[in-house]
Every structure is written in structure tokens, then in C-alpha cells.
Amino acid sequence: MKASPNPSGSEPSRIEIDALEEPTIVEFGTSWCGYCRAAEPLIAQVLTKHPQLAHIKIEDGPGRALGRSFRVKLWPTLVFMHRGKEIARLVRPGDAREIERTVAQFPATV
């Protein structure tokens, strides 16, 4: 599942996220969040260097079950998943190096 925003408007379920085998970054945020907009180019910069990483962007907000299941409190929150397990998490990343260091925690296949 190479990702991106969910064009259908429906978010994947927690079961679908947990079933992903490949290294995946699940990004929670909103289109109107200033922190999210500031992090977008940083995330894009890192993803450009790692095209093999799947990226799922989730529009989060009150009452959204997926964000609550991951206990997201602030945006953007990046959850780094591999084989259904959370490997790492970044909340409001401030620079691309911070994201890159977290990507380095994925298995050597990444």
C-alpha cells in the first residue's frame, strides 16, 4: 500500500493498518493545522529519499476512531509501523533530520 491521502475519503481501519507487512509511516493531522503544514515539506523530503516506504496520511479530528486507537493527542503525529507493530513515533517533527533518524530505526531492508 503505497500511500498517500485517502482519495476515497474513507480511512483504513486499525485492523488494516496492523495487517500491513511493509514499513509504513502513518501520518495523523489535518489540512488546516499550522504544525501539519510546516511538517509537510520535511516529511516529503524524507519520503523522496525512501521511496520504498509506504505512507498513509490520515485526516484526524474529534471522534475519529483511528487516531484515538493510536492515542494521537497532537498533530502531526507520525507513527512508524512494521509488521503490525509500532516501532517509533514522532510528534510535531521540527526538522527532516529528526524524521530521518526515526526512519533509520526500520529494519535494514528499508
Protein backbone atom coordinates (compact mmCIF):
# COMPACT_ATOMS: atom_id res chain seq x y z
CA MET A 1 0.00 0.00 0.00
CA LYS A 2 1.98 2.98 -1.23
CA ALA A 3 0.18 5.70 0.15
CA SER A 4 -0.91 8.95 0.40
CA PRO A 5 -4.01 10.74 1.29
CA ASN A 6 -7.09 8.61 1.12
CA PRO A 7 -8.74 9.69 -2.12
CA SER A 8 -11.95 7.86 -1.30
CA GLY A 9 -12.28 9.89 1.88
CA SER A 10 -12.53 6.73 3.96
CA GLU A 11 -9.77 5.94 6.36
CA PRO A 12 -8.34 2.46 6.70
CA SER A 13 -9.31 0.52 9.78
CA ARG A 14 -6.92 -0.26 12.60
CA ILE A 15 -7.08 -3.90 11.51
CA GLU A 16 -5.94 -2.92 8.00
CA ILE A 17 -3.08 -0.82 9.38
CA ASP A 18 -1.98 -3.58 11.75
CA ALA A 19 -2.04 -6.10 8.88
CA LEU A 20 0.50 -4.15 6.80
CA GLU A 21 3.75 -6.06 6.48
CA GLU A 22 5.90 -3.40 4.85
CA PRO A 23 7.45 -0.48 6.73
CA THR A 24 4.81 2.23 6.79
CA ILE A 25 4.56 5.76 8.14
CA VAL A 26 1.06 6.60 9.29
CA GLU A 27 0.69 10.37 9.47
CA PHE A 28 -2.14 11.88 11.51
CA GLY A 29 -3.05 15.53 11.07
CA THR A 30 -5.44 17.98 9.45
CA SER A 31 -5.30 20.19 6.40
CA TRP A 32 -5.82 23.34 8.48
CA CYS A 33 -3.18 22.61 11.16
CA GLY A 34 -0.23 25.01 11.01
CA TYR A 35 2.14 22.44 12.51
CA CYS A 36 1.00 19.91 9.90
CA ARG A 37 1.56 22.34 7.04
CA ALA A 38 5.04 23.17 8.38
CA ALA A 39 5.95 19.47 8.61
CA GLU A 40 4.68 18.58 5.10
CA PRO A 41 7.86 19.57 3.21
CA LEU A 42 10.05 17.86 5.83
CA ILE A 43 8.11 14.62 5.51
CA ALA A 44 8.13 14.87 1.71
CA GLN A 45 11.91 15.42 1.72
CA VAL A 46 12.48 12.21 3.69
CA LEU A 47 9.97 10.19 1.68
CA THR A 48 11.73 11.24 -1.53
CA LYS A 49 14.90 9.57 -0.21
CA HIS A 50 12.98 6.43 0.80
CA PRO A 51 10.50 5.62 -1.99
CA GLN A 52 10.13 2.08 -0.69
CA LEU A 53 8.38 3.36 2.45
CA ALA A 54 4.62 3.30 2.42
CA HIS A 55 2.99 6.48 3.70
CA ILE A 56 -0.61 6.79 4.79
CA LYS A 57 -1.93 10.25 5.55
CA ILE A 58 -4.95 10.28 7.85
CA GLU A 59 -7.18 13.32 8.29
CA ASP A 60 -7.70 13.23 12.04
CA GLY A 61 -10.09 15.01 14.34
CA PRO A 62 -12.57 14.64 17.16
CA GLY A 63 -14.47 11.38 17.00
CA ARG A 64 -12.09 9.78 14.51
CA ALA A 65 -11.62 6.21 15.69
CA LEU A 66 -8.26 5.51 14.04
CA GLY A 67 -6.49 8.45 15.64
CA ARG A 68 -7.97 7.55 19.01
CA SER A 69 -6.83 3.93 18.66
CA PHE A 70 -3.26 5.24 18.26
CA ARG A 71 -3.77 7.69 21.15
CA VAL A 72 -2.93 10.68 18.97
CA LYS A 73 -3.05 13.86 21.01
CA LEU A 74 -1.19 16.43 18.88
CA TRP A 75 -0.74 16.93 15.14
CA PRO A 76 1.10 15.97 13.17
CA THR A 77 1.89 12.62 14.68
CA LEU A 78 3.93 10.16 12.63
CA VAL A 79 3.59 6.53 13.66
CA PHE A 80 6.27 4.25 12.21
CA MET A 81 4.86 0.75 11.73
CA HIS A 82 6.42 -2.53 10.61
CA ARG A 83 4.64 -5.87 10.53
CA GLY A 84 1.76 -4.51 12.58
CA LYS A 85 3.93 -3.14 15.37
CA GLU A 86 4.69 0.45 16.22
CA ILE A 87 8.45 0.92 16.02
CA ALA A 88 8.58 4.63 16.75
CA ARG A 89 6.54 7.80 16.92
CA LEU A 90 7.26 11.45 16.23
CA VAL A 91 5.01 14.26 17.36
CA ARG A 92 5.39 17.61 15.64
CA PRO A 93 8.73 16.87 13.98
CA GLY A 94 10.82 20.01 13.68
CA ASP A 95 13.33 19.05 11.03
CA ALA A 96 13.99 16.44 8.37
CA ARG A 97 16.97 15.02 10.30
CA GLU A 98 14.67 14.05 13.14
CA ILE A 99 12.41 12.17 10.74
CA GLU A 100 15.43 10.61 9.00
CA ARG A 101 16.82 9.33 12.33
CA THR A 102 13.48 7.71 13.07
CA VAL A 103 13.32 6.10 9.62
CA ALA A 104 16.73 4.59 10.42
CA GLN A 105 15.01 2.52 13.14
CA PHE A 106 13.23 0.48 10.47
CA PRO A 107 14.82 -2.90 9.61
CA ALA A 108 17.81 -2.85 7.28
CA THR A 109 15.55 -3.69 4.32
CA VAL A 110 14.36 -0.08 4.22
